[in-house]
Amino acid sequence: MVKLCNKEKYLSENDDLARAAVIFAVAGFDRYFTAKFCDVLVTHLKSGKSIGPDLYKRIEAAGFGTEFALRLISETVENRQSRPFRKIRTIVQNSLSNHTTHRDSVIDELFKSLGLIDLSLNAEKRAKKKKLLTSVMALVDLRNEIAHEAHVKSDGTARNLSASTIEKRIRDMECFVSNCDEIIDSKFGKKPASSA
């Protein structure tokens, strides 16, 4: 969409295409962190490493209470193929789908429960790009402005956008995700994406 804005400068819809690109980019960004967390959750639970209070709270908030645990035990006794960890991942995934995971503080809090401290800052350091996180969060802020305030001035006219700035920030977002992915994979091993 951004490339189309840059290529076809005469289009009257250029700013709308740029806004749509921002919305899609941040939606994918949000989805990546939710899916990645769910994909490594089972690995962490099976690892035998201690489960901290943050992860207990997150799983409990997702619906893993006493009743759910007893049902899992019963199903596993009756059927060895019941795959209880998949069910845990599914309830956490469903719970996270009701929340946004596109703020660096939320991403850090989520992965901290798996033992990864300061994931966002470490990804920025790994990328060796100062202000990478600032650029990414600026794109998230722009998405929120577009989604919640229609990205208009107080008189109702649309704000101008710079397609080249948006394109740069989307590249920064891709760089950030790539570095986060490498950090997560180095801790948990590369896992095939199983969260849909």
N, C-alpha and C. Protein backbone atom coordinates (compact mmCIF):
# COMPACT_ATOMS: atom_id res chain seq x y z
N MET A 1 0.82 -1.20 0.00
CA MET A 1 0.00 0.00 0.00
C MET A 1 0.86 1.26 0.00
N VAL A 2 1.92 1.23 0.82
CA VAL A 2 2.80 2.39 0.88
C VAL A 2 3.56 2.55 -0.44
N LYS A 3 3.97 1.45 -1.01
CA LYS A 3 4.66 1.52 -2.31
C LYS A 3 3.74 2.09 -3.38
N LEU A 4 2.48 1.73 -3.32
CA LEU A 4 1.51 2.28 -4.27
C LEU A 4 1.38 3.80 -4.07
N CYS A 5 1.39 4.23 -2.81
CA CYS A 5 1.34 5.68 -2.52
C CYS A 5 2.53 6.39 -3.14
N ASN A 6 3.70 5.80 -3.01
CA ASN A 6 4.91 6.42 -3.53
C ASN A 6 4.96 6.38 -5.05
N LYS A 7 4.44 5.31 -5.62
CA LYS A 7 4.50 5.13 -7.07
C LYS A 7 3.43 5.96 -7.80
N GLU A 8 2.23 5.95 -7.26
CA GLU A 8 1.10 6.62 -7.90
C GLU A 8 0.72 7.87 -7.12
N LYS A 9 1.57 8.86 -7.13
CA LYS A 9 1.39 10.06 -6.30
C LYS A 9 0.14 10.86 -6.66
N TYR A 10 -0.40 10.64 -7.83
CA TYR A 10 -1.57 11.40 -8.26
C TYR A 10 -2.87 10.87 -7.66
N LEU A 11 -2.86 9.68 -7.05
CA LEU A 11 -4.09 9.11 -6.50
C LEU A 11 -4.65 9.99 -5.39
N SER A 12 -5.94 10.22 -5.41
CA SER A 12 -6.55 11.03 -4.36
C SER A 12 -6.66 10.26 -3.05
N GLU A 13 -6.54 8.95 -3.12
CA GLU A 13 -6.68 8.10 -1.94
C GLU A 13 -5.34 7.79 -1.26
N ASN A 14 -4.26 8.46 -1.66
CA ASN A 14 -2.94 8.12 -1.13
C ASN A 14 -2.88 8.13 0.39
N ASP A 15 -3.42 9.18 1.02
CA ASP A 15 -3.37 9.23 2.48
C ASP A 15 -4.19 8.10 3.09
N ASP A 16 -5.31 7.76 2.47
CA ASP A 16 -6.11 6.64 2.98
C ASP A 16 -5.38 5.32 2.83
N LEU A 17 -4.66 5.13 1.74
CA LEU A 17 -3.84 3.92 1.56
C LEU A 17 -2.76 3.86 2.63
N ALA A 18 -2.14 4.99 2.91
CA ALA A 18 -1.09 5.03 3.94
C ALA A 18 -1.68 4.71 5.31
N ARG A 19 -2.85 5.25 5.59
CA ARG A 19 -3.51 4.95 6.88
C ARG A 19 -3.84 3.46 6.98
N ALA A 20 -4.34 2.89 5.90
CA ALA A 20 -4.66 1.45 5.89
C ALA A 20 -3.39 0.63 6.12
N ALA A 21 -2.28 1.05 5.52
CA ALA A 21 -1.00 0.35 5.70
C ALA A 21 -0.60 0.35 7.17
N VAL A 22 -0.79 1.48 7.84
CA VAL A 22 -0.47 1.58 9.27
C VAL A 22 -1.34 0.61 10.07
N ILE A 23 -2.64 0.61 9.79
CA ILE A 23 -3.56 -0.27 10.51
C ILE A 23 -3.16 -1.73 10.33
N PHE A 24 -2.89 -2.14 9.10
CA PHE A 24 -2.51 -3.54 8.83
C PHE A 24 -1.17 -3.90 9.47
N ALA A 25 -0.21 -2.99 9.38
CA ALA A 25 1.12 -3.27 9.95
C ALA A 25 1.03 -3.48 11.45
N VAL A 26 0.32 -2.62 12.15
CA VAL A 26 0.22 -2.74 13.60
C VAL A 26 -0.62 -3.95 13.99
N ALA A 27 -1.63 -4.28 13.21
CA ALA A 27 -2.43 -5.48 13.48
C ALA A 27 -1.55 -6.73 13.39
N GLY A 28 -0.72 -6.80 12.36
CA GLY A 28 0.20 -7.93 12.22
C GLY A 28 1.21 -7.98 13.35
N PHE A 29 1.70 -6.82 13.76
CA PHE A 29 2.64 -6.68 14.87
C PHE A 29 2.03 -7.24 16.15
N ASP A 30 0.82 -6.81 16.44
CA ASP A 30 0.08 -7.28 17.61
C ASP A 30 -0.11 -8.79 17.55
N ARG A 31 -0.54 -9.27 16.42
CA ARG A 31 -0.80 -10.71 16.24
C ARG A 31 0.46 -11.54 16.41
N TYR A 32 1.58 -11.03 15.91
CA TYR A 32 2.84 -11.76 16.05
C TYR A 32 3.15 -12.04 17.51
N PHE A 33 3.08 -11.01 18.37
CA PHE A 33 3.47 -11.20 19.76
C PHE A 33 2.51 -12.12 20.51
N THR A 34 1.23 -12.02 20.22
CA THR A 34 0.26 -12.93 20.84
C THR A 34 0.52 -14.37 20.41
N ALA A 35 0.68 -14.58 19.12
CA ALA A 35 0.91 -15.94 18.59
C ALA A 35 2.24 -16.50 19.07
N LYS A 36 3.28 -15.69 19.06
CA LYS A 36 4.61 -16.16 19.47
C LYS A 36 4.60 -16.58 20.94
N PHE A 37 3.94 -15.78 21.77
CA PHE A 37 3.83 -16.14 23.19
C PHE A 37 3.15 -17.50 23.35
N CYS A 38 2.04 -17.68 22.65
CA CYS A 38 1.31 -18.95 22.75
C CYS A 38 2.12 -20.12 22.20
N ASP A 39 2.90 -19.87 21.16
CA ASP A 39 3.71 -20.94 20.57
C ASP A 39 4.83 -21.41 21.49
N VAL A 40 5.37 -20.53 22.33
CA VAL A 40 6.45 -20.95 23.22
C VAL A 40 5.96 -21.27 24.63
N LEU A 41 4.71 -20.96 24.92
CA LEU A 41 4.15 -21.22 26.25
C LEU A 41 4.25 -22.70 26.62
N VAL A 42 3.84 -23.58 25.73
CA VAL A 42 3.86 -25.01 26.03
C VAL A 42 5.28 -25.50 26.26
N THR A 43 6.22 -25.02 25.45
CA THR A 43 7.61 -25.38 25.63
C THR A 43 8.08 -25.00 27.02
N HIS A 44 7.71 -23.82 27.45
CA HIS A 44 8.09 -23.36 28.79
C HIS A 44 7.43 -24.23 29.87
N LEU A 45 6.15 -24.52 29.71
CA LEU A 45 5.46 -25.33 30.71
C LEU A 45 6.03 -26.74 30.80
N LYS A 46 6.42 -27.30 29.66
CA LYS A 46 6.98 -28.66 29.64
C LYS A 46 8.44 -28.72 30.07
N SER A 47 9.11 -27.58 30.12
CA SER A 47 10.56 -27.56 30.38
C SER A 47 10.93 -27.99 31.79
N GLY A 48 9.98 -27.92 32.70
CA GLY A 48 10.28 -28.27 34.08
C GLY A 48 10.85 -27.10 34.86
N LYS A 49 11.06 -25.97 34.19
CA LYS A 49 11.54 -24.78 34.89
C LYS A 49 10.39 -24.24 35.74
N SER A 50 10.77 -23.55 36.80
CA SER A 50 9.73 -23.05 37.70
C SER A 50 8.81 -22.08 36.96
N ILE A 51 7.57 -22.16 37.33
CA ILE A 51 6.56 -21.26 36.76
C ILE A 51 6.35 -20.16 37.78
N GLY A 52 6.62 -18.94 37.37
CA GLY A 52 6.52 -17.81 38.28
C GLY A 52 5.10 -17.35 38.51
N PRO A 53 4.92 -16.49 39.50
CA PRO A 53 3.57 -16.01 39.82
C PRO A 53 2.92 -15.23 38.69
N ASP A 54 3.72 -14.52 37.87
CA ASP A 54 3.14 -13.77 36.75
C ASP A 54 2.48 -14.69 35.75
N LEU A 55 3.13 -15.82 35.46
CA LEU A 55 2.56 -16.77 34.50
C LEU A 55 1.34 -17.46 35.09
N TYR A 56 1.41 -17.81 36.38
CA TYR A 56 0.23 -18.39 37.03
C TYR A 56 -0.97 -17.45 36.91
N LYS A 57 -0.75 -16.18 37.19
CA LYS A 57 -1.84 -15.20 37.12
C LYS A 57 -2.39 -15.10 35.70
N ARG A 58 -1.49 -15.07 34.71
CA ARG A 58 -1.91 -14.95 33.32
C ARG A 58 -2.76 -16.16 32.91
N ILE A 59 -2.31 -17.36 33.27
CA ILE A 59 -3.04 -18.58 32.90
C ILE A 59 -4.37 -18.64 33.65
N GLU A 60 -4.35 -18.27 34.91
CA GLU A 60 -5.58 -18.27 35.69
C GLU A 60 -6.58 -17.26 35.13
N ALA A 61 -6.08 -16.07 34.76
CA ALA A 61 -6.97 -15.05 34.18
C ALA A 61 -7.57 -15.51 32.86
N ALA A 62 -6.87 -16.40 32.17
CA ALA A 62 -7.36 -16.93 30.89
C ALA A 62 -8.46 -17.96 31.09
N GLY A 63 -8.62 -18.44 32.31
CA GLY A 63 -9.68 -19.42 32.57
C GLY A 63 -9.21 -20.74 33.13
N PHE A 64 -7.93 -20.83 33.47
CA PHE A 64 -7.40 -22.07 34.01
C PHE A 64 -7.61 -22.07 35.53
N GLY A 65 -8.79 -22.50 35.92
CA GLY A 65 -9.12 -22.60 37.33
C GLY A 65 -9.14 -24.06 37.76
N THR A 66 -9.61 -24.29 38.96
CA THR A 66 -9.66 -25.64 39.51
C THR A 66 -10.53 -26.56 38.66
N GLU A 67 -11.69 -26.07 38.24
CA GLU A 67 -12.59 -26.90 37.43
C GLU A 67 -11.92 -27.31 36.12
N PHE A 68 -11.27 -26.36 35.46
CA PHE A 68 -10.59 -26.64 34.19
C PHE A 68 -9.47 -27.66 34.41
N ALA A 69 -8.69 -27.47 35.48
CA ALA A 69 -7.57 -28.38 35.78
C ALA A 69 -8.08 -29.80 36.06
N LEU A 70 -9.15 -29.92 36.80
CA LEU A 70 -9.70 -31.24 37.09
C LEU A 70 -10.24 -31.93 35.84
N ARG A 71 -10.87 -31.14 34.96
CA ARG A 71 -11.33 -31.71 33.69
C ARG A 71 -10.16 -32.20 32.85
N LEU A 72 -9.07 -31.44 32.82
CA LEU A 72 -7.88 -31.86 32.07
C LEU A 72 -7.31 -33.15 32.61
N ILE A 73 -7.22 -33.25 33.93
CA ILE A 73 -6.69 -34.47 34.55
C ILE A 73 -7.58 -35.66 34.20
N SER A 74 -8.89 -35.46 34.33
CA SER A 74 -9.83 -36.54 34.03
C SER A 74 -9.72 -36.97 32.57
N GLU A 75 -9.67 -36.02 31.66
CA GLU A 75 -9.56 -36.35 30.23
C GLU A 75 -8.26 -37.07 29.92
N THR A 76 -7.19 -36.68 30.58
CA THR A 76 -5.88 -37.29 30.33
C THR A 76 -5.84 -38.72 30.84
N VAL A 77 -6.49 -38.97 31.98
CA VAL A 77 -6.56 -40.34 32.52
C VAL A 77 -7.36 -41.22 31.59
N GLU A 78 -8.48 -40.70 31.09
CA GLU A 78 -9.35 -41.47 30.21
C GLU A 78 -8.77 -41.64 28.81
N ASN A 79 -8.03 -40.65 28.36
CA ASN A 79 -7.53 -40.66 26.99
C ASN A 79 -6.13 -40.06 26.95
N ARG A 80 -5.15 -40.89 26.78
CA ARG A 80 -3.75 -40.42 26.78
C ARG A 80 -3.45 -39.47 25.62
N GLN A 81 -4.33 -39.41 24.62
CA GLN A 81 -4.14 -38.55 23.46
C GLN A 81 -4.82 -37.18 23.63
N SER A 82 -5.24 -36.84 24.82
CA SER A 82 -6.07 -35.64 25.01
C SER A 82 -5.33 -34.31 24.84
N ARG A 83 -4.02 -34.30 24.88
CA ARG A 83 -3.18 -33.12 24.65
C ARG A 83 -3.56 -31.95 25.55
N PRO A 84 -3.33 -32.08 26.85
CA PRO A 84 -3.72 -31.02 27.79
C PRO A 84 -2.98 -29.70 27.56
N PHE A 85 -1.72 -29.76 27.13
CA PHE A 85 -0.98 -28.51 26.92
C PHE A 85 -1.56 -27.70 25.76
N ARG A 86 -2.06 -28.38 24.76
CA ARG A 86 -2.71 -27.67 23.65
C ARG A 86 -3.94 -26.93 24.16
N LYS A 87 -4.67 -27.54 25.07
CA LYS A 87 -5.86 -26.89 25.62
C LYS A 87 -5.49 -25.67 26.46
N ILE A 88 -4.39 -25.78 27.19
CA ILE A 88 -3.93 -24.62 27.96
C ILE A 88 -3.53 -23.49 27.01
N ARG A 89 -2.77 -23.84 25.97
CA ARG A 89 -2.37 -22.82 24.99
C ARG A 89 -3.60 -22.17 24.36
N THR A 90 -4.61 -22.96 24.05
CA THR A 90 -5.81 -22.43 23.40
C THR A 90 -6.56 -21.45 24.31
N ILE A 91 -6.68 -21.77 25.59
CA ILE A 91 -7.41 -20.82 26.46
C ILE A 91 -6.62 -19.53 26.65
N VAL A 92 -5.28 -19.64 26.69
CA VAL A 92 -4.47 -18.43 26.81
C VAL A 92 -4.56 -17.62 25.52
N GLN A 93 -4.50 -18.29 24.40
CA GLN A 93 -4.61 -17.61 23.09
C GLN A 93 -5.95 -16.89 22.98
N ASN A 94 -7.03 -17.55 23.35
CA ASN A 94 -8.35 -16.92 23.30
C ASN A 94 -8.43 -15.71 24.22
N SER A 95 -7.82 -15.83 25.38
CA SER A 95 -7.82 -14.72 26.33
C SER A 95 -7.03 -13.54 25.80
N LEU A 96 -5.86 -13.81 25.23
CA LEU A 96 -5.03 -12.73 24.70
C LEU A 96 -5.64 -12.06 23.47
N SER A 97 -6.48 -12.78 22.75
CA SER A 97 -7.10 -12.19 21.56
C SER A 97 -8.05 -11.05 21.92
N ASN A 98 -8.42 -10.96 23.19
CA ASN A 98 -9.30 -9.88 23.64
C ASN A 98 -8.53 -8.64 24.09
N HIS A 99 -7.20 -8.69 24.01
CA HIS A 99 -6.36 -7.58 24.46
C HIS A 99 -5.36 -7.23 23.36
N THR A 100 -4.92 -5.99 23.37
CA THR A 100 -3.91 -5.60 22.39
C THR A 100 -2.51 -5.86 22.96
N THR A 101 -1.64 -6.28 22.09
CA THR A 101 -0.25 -6.57 22.46
C THR A 101 0.66 -5.79 21.52
N HIS A 102 0.43 -4.49 21.41
CA HIS A 102 1.27 -3.71 20.51
C HIS A 102 2.05 -2.60 21.22
N ARG A 103 1.97 -2.52 22.52
CA ARG A 103 2.75 -1.57 23.29
C ARG A 103 3.97 -2.29 23.84
N ASP A 104 5.13 -1.65 23.82
CA ASP A 104 6.35 -2.30 24.30
C ASP A 104 6.22 -2.75 25.75
N SER A 105 5.55 -1.97 26.59
CA SER A 105 5.40 -2.36 28.00
C SER A 105 4.55 -3.63 28.13
N VAL A 106 3.54 -3.78 27.31
CA VAL A 106 2.69 -4.98 27.34
C VAL A 106 3.46 -6.19 26.82
N ILE A 107 4.21 -5.99 25.75
CA ILE A 107 5.03 -7.07 25.18
C ILE A 107 6.04 -7.54 26.23
N ASP A 108 6.72 -6.58 26.88
CA ASP A 108 7.72 -6.93 27.89
C ASP A 108 7.09 -7.68 29.06
N GLU A 109 5.94 -7.21 29.50
CA GLU A 109 5.25 -7.86 30.62
C GLU A 109 4.83 -9.29 30.25
N LEU A 110 4.35 -9.46 29.05
CA LEU A 110 3.92 -10.78 28.58
C LEU A 110 5.08 -11.77 28.60
N PHE A 111 6.19 -11.39 28.00
CA PHE A 111 7.32 -12.32 27.89
C PHE A 111 8.14 -12.42 29.17
N LYS A 112 8.00 -11.43 30.05
CA LYS A 112 8.65 -11.51 31.36
C LYS A 112 8.12 -12.71 32.14
N SER A 113 6.84 -13.03 31.93
CA SER A 113 6.25 -14.17 32.63
C SER A 113 6.86 -15.50 32.18
N LEU A 114 7.58 -15.48 31.04
CA LEU A 114 8.29 -16.67 30.56
C LEU A 114 9.80 -16.60 30.84
N GLY A 115 10.21 -15.55 31.56
CA GLY A 115 11.61 -15.42 31.93
C GLY A 115 12.44 -14.54 31.02
N LEU A 116 11.83 -13.88 30.04
CA LEU A 116 12.56 -12.95 29.16
C LEU A 116 12.37 -11.53 29.70
N ILE A 117 13.44 -10.97 30.21
CA ILE A 117 13.37 -9.64 30.81
C ILE A 117 13.74 -8.59 29.75
N ASP A 118 12.97 -7.51 29.70
CA ASP A 118 13.23 -6.37 28.80
C ASP A 118 13.41 -6.80 27.35
N LEU A 119 12.49 -7.59 26.85
CA LEU A 119 12.57 -8.07 25.47
C LEU A 119 12.69 -6.91 24.48
N SER A 120 11.91 -5.87 24.65
CA SER A 120 11.91 -4.76 23.69
C SER A 120 13.26 -4.05 23.65
N LEU A 121 13.80 -3.71 24.80
CA LEU A 121 15.10 -3.03 24.84
C LEU A 121 16.21 -3.92 24.29
N ASN A 122 16.15 -5.20 24.62
CA ASN A 122 17.17 -6.13 24.12
C ASN A 122 17.08 -6.31 22.61
N ALA A 123 15.87 -6.25 22.06
CA ALA A 123 15.71 -6.34 20.60
C ALA A 123 16.29 -5.09 19.94
N GLU A 124 16.06 -3.93 20.53
CA GLU A 124 16.62 -2.70 19.99
C GLU A 124 18.15 -2.74 20.03
N LYS A 125 18.71 -3.22 21.15
CA LYS A 125 20.18 -3.34 21.26
C LYS A 125 20.72 -4.32 20.22
N ARG A 126 20.03 -5.43 20.07
CA ARG A 126 20.47 -6.45 19.11
C ARG A 126 20.47 -5.89 17.68
N ALA A 127 19.49 -5.06 17.38
CA ALA A 127 19.39 -4.46 16.04
C ALA A 127 20.44 -3.38 15.81
N LYS A 128 21.02 -2.88 16.91
CA LYS A 128 22.02 -1.81 16.84
C LYS A 128 21.47 -0.58 16.12
N LYS A 129 20.20 -0.27 16.45
CA LYS A 129 19.54 0.89 15.85
C LYS A 129 18.97 1.74 16.98
N LYS A 130 19.62 2.85 17.23
CA LYS A 130 19.10 3.77 18.25
C LYS A 130 17.74 4.28 17.78
N LYS A 131 16.86 4.45 18.71
CA LYS A 131 15.52 4.99 18.44
C LYS A 131 14.62 4.02 17.66
N LEU A 132 15.02 2.76 17.55
CA LEU A 132 14.18 1.77 16.85
C LEU A 132 12.83 1.65 17.56
N LEU A 133 12.88 1.50 18.86
CA LEU A 133 11.65 1.35 19.64
C LEU A 133 10.80 2.62 19.56
N THR A 134 11.44 3.77 19.56
CA THR A 134 10.71 5.04 19.43
C THR A 134 9.96 5.10 18.10
N SER A 135 10.61 4.67 17.04
CA SER A 135 9.99 4.66 15.70
C SER A 135 8.80 3.71 15.66
N VAL A 136 8.98 2.53 16.24
CA VAL A 136 7.91 1.52 16.24
C VAL A 136 6.72 2.02 17.06
N MET A 137 6.99 2.59 18.23
CA MET A 137 5.89 3.07 19.07
C MET A 137 5.21 4.29 18.44
N ALA A 138 5.93 5.07 17.63
CA ALA A 138 5.31 6.18 16.91
C ALA A 138 4.30 5.65 15.89
N LEU A 139 4.63 4.52 15.26
CA LEU A 139 3.70 3.91 14.32
C LEU A 139 2.47 3.37 15.05
N VAL A 140 2.69 2.79 16.23
CA VAL A 140 1.57 2.30 17.05
C VAL A 140 0.69 3.48 17.47
N ASP A 141 1.31 4.58 17.87
CA ASP A 141 0.54 5.77 18.26
C ASP A 141 -0.29 6.30 17.08
N LEU A 142 0.33 6.30 15.90
CA LEU A 142 -0.39 6.74 14.70
C LEU A 142 -1.57 5.82 14.43
N ARG A 143 -1.37 4.53 14.57
CA ARG A 143 -2.47 3.57 14.38
C ARG A 143 -3.62 3.88 15.34
N ASN A 144 -3.28 4.14 16.61
CA ASN A 144 -4.31 4.44 17.59
C ASN A 144 -5.05 5.73 17.26
N GLU A 145 -4.31 6.71 16.77
CA GLU A 145 -4.94 7.96 16.37
C GLU A 145 -5.88 7.74 15.18
N ILE A 146 -5.45 6.94 14.22
CA ILE A 146 -6.29 6.64 13.06
C ILE A 146 -7.53 5.86 13.49
N ALA A 147 -7.33 4.84 14.32
CA ALA A 147 -8.44 3.96 14.71
C ALA A 147 -9.44 4.63 15.65
N HIS A 148 -8.95 5.49 16.53
CA HIS A 148 -9.82 6.03 17.57
C HIS A 148 -10.27 7.47 17.32
N GLU A 149 -9.48 8.21 16.54
CA GLU A 149 -9.82 9.62 16.33
C GLU A 149 -9.95 9.98 14.86
N ALA A 150 -9.87 9.00 13.98
CA ALA A 150 -10.01 9.17 12.53
C ALA A 150 -8.89 10.00 11.90
N HIS A 151 -7.87 10.34 12.67
CA HIS A 151 -6.70 11.07 12.16
C HIS A 151 -7.12 12.35 11.44
N VAL A 152 -7.95 13.13 12.13
CA VAL A 152 -8.41 14.40 11.57
C VAL A 152 -8.05 15.55 12.50
N LYS A 153 -7.99 16.74 11.92
CA LYS A 153 -7.76 17.96 12.70
C LYS A 153 -9.04 18.33 13.43
N SER A 154 -8.95 19.31 14.30
CA SER A 154 -10.12 19.72 15.07
C SER A 154 -11.25 20.25 14.19
N ASP A 155 -10.91 20.74 12.99
CA ASP A 155 -11.96 21.23 12.08
C ASP A 155 -12.55 20.12 11.21
N GLY A 156 -12.09 18.89 11.41
CA GLY A 156 -12.64 17.75 10.68
C GLY A 156 -11.90 17.38 9.40
N THR A 157 -10.92 18.17 9.01
CA THR A 157 -10.15 17.83 7.80
C THR A 157 -9.07 16.80 8.13
N ALA A 158 -8.80 15.96 7.17
CA ALA A 158 -7.82 14.89 7.38
C ALA A 158 -6.41 15.45 7.53
N ARG A 159 -5.64 14.82 8.42
CA ARG A 159 -4.24 15.21 8.59
C ARG A 159 -3.42 14.63 7.44
N ASN A 160 -2.38 15.33 7.06
CA ASN A 160 -1.47 14.84 6.02
C ASN A 160 -0.57 13.75 6.58
N LEU A 161 -0.16 12.87 5.70
CA LEU A 161 0.75 11.79 6.07
C LEU A 161 1.96 11.80 5.15
N SER A 162 3.05 11.30 5.65
CA SER A 162 4.25 11.12 4.83
C SER A 162 4.41 9.62 4.57
N ALA A 163 4.14 9.21 3.35
CA ALA A 163 4.26 7.78 3.00
C ALA A 163 5.68 7.28 3.21
N SER A 164 6.68 8.12 2.97
CA SER A 164 8.07 7.68 3.14
C SER A 164 8.39 7.45 4.62
N THR A 165 7.84 8.30 5.50
CA THR A 165 8.05 8.10 6.94
C THR A 165 7.35 6.82 7.40
N ILE A 166 6.14 6.60 6.92
CA ILE A 166 5.41 5.38 7.28
C ILE A 166 6.16 4.15 6.78
N GLU A 167 6.67 4.21 5.56
CA GLU A 167 7.42 3.09 5.01
C GLU A 167 8.66 2.79 5.85
N LYS A 168 9.35 3.82 6.29
CA LYS A 168 10.54 3.64 7.15
C LYS A 168 10.14 3.01 8.48
N ARG A 169 9.06 3.48 9.05
CA ARG A 169 8.62 2.95 10.36
C ARG A 169 8.14 1.51 10.24
N ILE A 170 7.53 1.16 9.13
CA ILE A 170 7.13 -0.24 8.93
C ILE A 170 8.37 -1.11 8.80
N ARG A 171 9.40 -0.63 8.11
CA ARG A 171 10.67 -1.38 8.04
C ARG A 171 11.29 -1.52 9.43
N ASP A 172 11.21 -0.46 10.23
CA ASP A 172 11.71 -0.52 11.61
C ASP A 172 10.93 -1.56 12.41
N MET A 173 9.62 -1.61 12.19
CA MET A 173 8.79 -2.59 12.89
C MET A 173 9.20 -4.00 12.49
N GLU A 174 9.44 -4.23 11.21
CA GLU A 174 9.90 -5.55 10.75
C GLU A 174 11.24 -5.91 11.39
N CYS A 175 12.14 -4.94 11.48
CA CYS A 175 13.45 -5.16 12.10
C CYS A 175 13.28 -5.51 13.58
N PHE A 176 12.41 -4.80 14.26
CA PHE A 176 12.15 -5.04 15.68
C PHE A 176 11.60 -6.45 15.90
N VAL A 177 10.61 -6.82 15.10
CA VAL A 177 10.01 -8.16 15.22
C VAL A 177 11.05 -9.25 14.94
N SER A 178 11.86 -9.05 13.91
CA SER A 178 12.88 -10.02 13.56
C SER A 178 13.87 -10.23 14.71
N ASN A 179 14.26 -9.15 15.37
CA ASN A 179 15.19 -9.26 16.49
C ASN A 179 14.52 -9.88 17.72
N CYS A 180 13.27 -9.55 17.97
CA CYS A 180 12.53 -10.20 19.05
C CYS A 180 12.43 -11.69 18.79
N ASP A 181 12.13 -12.05 17.55
CA ASP A 181 11.99 -13.45 17.16
C ASP A 181 13.29 -14.21 17.43
N GLU A 182 14.42 -13.61 17.09
CA GLU A 182 15.70 -14.27 17.33
C GLU A 182 15.97 -14.46 18.82
N ILE A 183 15.64 -13.46 19.62
CA ILE A 183 15.83 -13.56 21.08
C ILE A 183 14.95 -14.66 21.65
N ILE A 184 13.69 -14.67 21.26
CA ILE A 184 12.75 -15.68 21.76
C ILE A 184 13.18 -17.08 21.32
N ASP A 185 13.54 -17.21 20.05
CA ASP A 185 13.97 -18.51 19.53
C ASP A 185 15.26 -18.99 20.21
N SER A 186 16.15 -18.07 20.56
CA SER A 186 17.39 -18.49 21.21
C SER A 186 17.12 -19.02 22.62
N LYS A 187 16.05 -18.55 23.24
CA LYS A 187 15.70 -19.05 24.59
C LYS A 187 14.89 -20.34 24.53
N PHE A 188 13.95 -20.43 23.60
CA PHE A 188 13.04 -21.57 23.58
C PHE A 188 13.28 -22.54 22.43
N GLY A 189 14.18 -22.20 21.54
CA GLY A 189 14.37 -23.01 20.34
C GLY A 189 13.36 -22.58 19.30
N LYS A 190 13.71 -22.75 18.06
CA LYS A 190 12.81 -22.35 16.97
C LYS A 190 11.64 -23.32 16.94
N LYS A 191 10.46 -22.78 17.03
CA LYS A 191 9.25 -23.59 17.03
C LYS A 191 8.41 -23.27 15.81
N PRO A 192 7.82 -24.28 15.21
CA PRO A 192 6.90 -23.99 14.11
C PRO A 192 5.68 -23.26 14.66
N ALA A 193 5.20 -22.29 13.93
CA ALA A 193 4.02 -21.55 14.39
C ALA A 193 2.81 -22.47 14.38
N SER A 194 2.20 -22.59 15.54
CA SER A 194 1.02 -23.45 15.61
C SER A 194 -0.21 -22.66 16.03
N SER A 195 -0.04 -21.42 16.40
CA SER A 195 -1.19 -20.59 16.78
C SER A 195 -1.82 -20.02 15.53
N ALA A 196 -3.11 -20.21 15.43
CA ALA A 196 -3.82 -19.71 14.25
C ALA A 196 -4.63 -18.49 14.61
